[in-house]
């Protein structure tokens, strides 16, 4: 289960419980405390994801700068030296691709969270 599915499942469960509360009256104090704890854990998760996204964006910028410098070296090199730089370039491109995929996955989670907030405000 990925993060997006987990968050969607949590949202559905919370909405179902909220509907039950409305049907049966106000919840007990212990139930409210459990909900607060659940929201607290979700908040921590969101903070961690935000930090991950910031780190990935920094990594992406560093990799792009390194690739630019390496491509400049490739253009001015020949023979074995140029081949060594090309190998390094392939490694950096692979890592940049991995970071971009992780950023895309994080963006999906972020969009799902925005949808959740919008849905909650309108209910």
Protein backbone atom coordinates (compact mmCIF):
# COMPACT_ATOMS: atom_id res chain seq x y z
CA UNK A 1 0.00 0.00 0.00
CA UNK A 2 1.46 3.35 -0.97
CA UNK A 3 1.11 6.59 0.93
CA UNK A 4 -1.68 7.90 -1.26
CA UNK A 5 -3.80 4.79 -0.73
CA UNK A 6 -3.11 4.91 3.01
CA UNK A 7 -4.21 8.54 3.27
CA UNK A 8 -7.35 7.92 1.20
CA UNK A 9 -8.23 4.93 3.35
CA UNK A 10 -7.74 6.99 6.54
CA UNK A 11 -9.93 9.77 5.15
CA UNK A 12 -12.74 7.33 4.27
CA UNK A 13 -12.56 5.72 7.70
CA UNK A 14 -12.70 9.09 9.47
CA UNK A 15 -15.64 10.22 7.35
CA UNK A 16 -17.53 6.98 8.09
CA UNK A 17 -16.92 7.41 11.81
CA UNK A 18 -18.05 11.01 11.64
CA UNK A 19 -21.31 9.93 9.99
CA UNK A 20 -21.82 7.36 12.76
CA UNK A 21 -21.25 10.02 15.42
CA UNK A 22 -23.87 12.23 13.81
CA UNK A 23 -26.32 9.31 13.76
CA UNK A 24 -25.80 8.17 17.35
CA UNK A 25 -25.06 11.42 19.15
CA UNK A 26 -21.82 12.85 20.47
CA UNK A 27 -18.81 10.54 20.96
CA UNK A 28 -17.35 9.62 24.31
CA UNK A 29 -14.30 11.43 25.67
CA UNK A 30 -12.03 8.43 24.99
CA UNK A 31 -13.11 8.33 21.35
CA UNK A 32 -12.24 11.99 20.99
CA UNK A 33 -8.82 11.40 22.52
CA UNK A 34 -8.22 8.56 20.08
CA UNK A 35 -9.14 10.85 17.18
CA UNK A 36 -6.80 13.55 18.44
CA UNK A 37 -3.99 10.99 18.63
CA UNK A 38 -4.78 9.82 15.11
CA UNK A 39 -4.72 13.39 13.80
CA UNK A 40 -1.45 13.99 15.66
CA UNK A 41 0.14 10.96 13.94
CA UNK A 42 -1.15 12.16 10.57
CA UNK A 43 0.30 15.61 11.24
CA UNK A 44 3.71 14.10 12.01
CA UNK A 45 3.49 12.07 8.81
CA UNK A 46 2.71 15.23 6.81
CA UNK A 47 5.62 17.10 8.38
CA UNK A 48 7.98 14.24 7.48
CA UNK A 49 6.68 14.20 3.90
CA UNK A 50 7.17 17.94 3.62
CA UNK A 51 10.76 17.59 4.81
CA UNK A 52 11.30 14.73 2.35
CA UNK A 53 10.01 16.88 -0.49
CA UNK A 54 12.29 19.78 0.44
CA UNK A 55 15.28 17.43 0.58
CA UNK A 56 14.41 15.88 -2.77
CA UNK A 57 14.09 19.33 -4.37
CA UNK A 58 17.53 20.26 -3.03
CA UNK A 59 18.97 16.98 -4.31
CA UNK A 60 17.45 17.61 -7.73
CA UNK A 61 19.00 21.08 -7.93
CA UNK A 62 22.43 19.75 -6.88
CA UNK A 63 22.27 16.92 -9.41
CA UNK A 64 21.27 19.29 -12.20
CA UNK A 65 24.19 21.62 -11.38
CA UNK A 66 26.61 18.69 -11.23
CA UNK A 67 25.37 17.43 -14.60
CA UNK A 68 25.84 20.87 -16.13
CA UNK A 69 29.44 21.04 -14.92
CA UNK A 70 30.12 17.49 -16.04
CA UNK A 71 28.73 18.16 -19.52
CA UNK A 72 31.04 21.15 -19.79
CA UNK A 73 33.98 18.88 -18.90
CA UNK A 74 32.84 16.27 -21.45
CA UNK A 75 32.77 18.91 -24.18
CA UNK A 76 36.36 19.90 -23.46
CA UNK A 77 37.74 16.37 -22.94
CA UNK A 78 38.86 13.58 -25.22
CA UNK A 79 39.63 9.88 -25.03
CA UNK A 80 39.57 8.01 -21.74
CA UNK A 81 38.94 11.14 -19.71
CA UNK A 82 35.82 11.97 -21.74
CA UNK A 83 34.60 8.37 -21.37
CA UNK A 84 35.06 8.52 -17.61
CA UNK A 85 33.03 11.74 -17.53
CA UNK A 86 30.30 10.14 -19.67
CA UNK A 87 30.09 7.26 -17.20
CA UNK A 88 29.72 9.73 -14.34
CA UNK A 89 27.10 11.57 -16.39
CA UNK A 90 25.04 8.37 -16.81
CA UNK A 91 25.22 7.73 -13.07
CA UNK A 92 24.10 11.26 -12.24
CA UNK A 93 21.28 11.10 -14.81
CA UNK A 94 20.07 7.83 -13.28
CA UNK A 95 20.07 9.39 -9.82
CA UNK A 96 18.30 12.52 -11.10
CA UNK A 97 15.66 10.31 -12.71
CA UNK A 98 15.13 8.47 -9.41
CA UNK A 99 14.78 11.76 -7.52
CA UNK A 100 12.29 13.08 -10.11
CA UNK A 101 10.17 9.93 -9.75
CA UNK A 102 10.16 10.32 -5.97
CA UNK A 103 9.12 13.98 -6.31
CA UNK A 104 6.28 12.97 -8.64
CA UNK A 105 5.04 10.38 -6.12
CA UNK A 106 5.25 12.96 -3.35
CA UNK A 107 3.29 15.43 -5.49
CA UNK A 108 0.50 12.85 -5.91
CA UNK A 109 0.25 12.50 -2.14
CA UNK A 110 0.24 16.28 -1.77
CA UNK A 111 -2.56 16.64 -4.33
CA UNK A 112 -4.58 13.97 -2.52
CA UNK A 113 -4.15 15.90 0.72
CA UNK A 114 -5.31 19.12 -0.93
CA UNK A 115 -8.39 17.28 -2.16
CA UNK A 116 -9.02 15.98 1.35
CA UNK A 117 -8.85 19.50 2.79
CA UNK A 118 -11.19 20.82 0.10
CA UNK A 119 -13.64 17.98 0.70
CA UNK A 120 -13.62 18.52 4.48
CA UNK A 121 -14.25 22.27 4.15
CA UNK A 122 -17.28 21.75 1.97
CA UNK A 123 -19.01 19.20 4.21
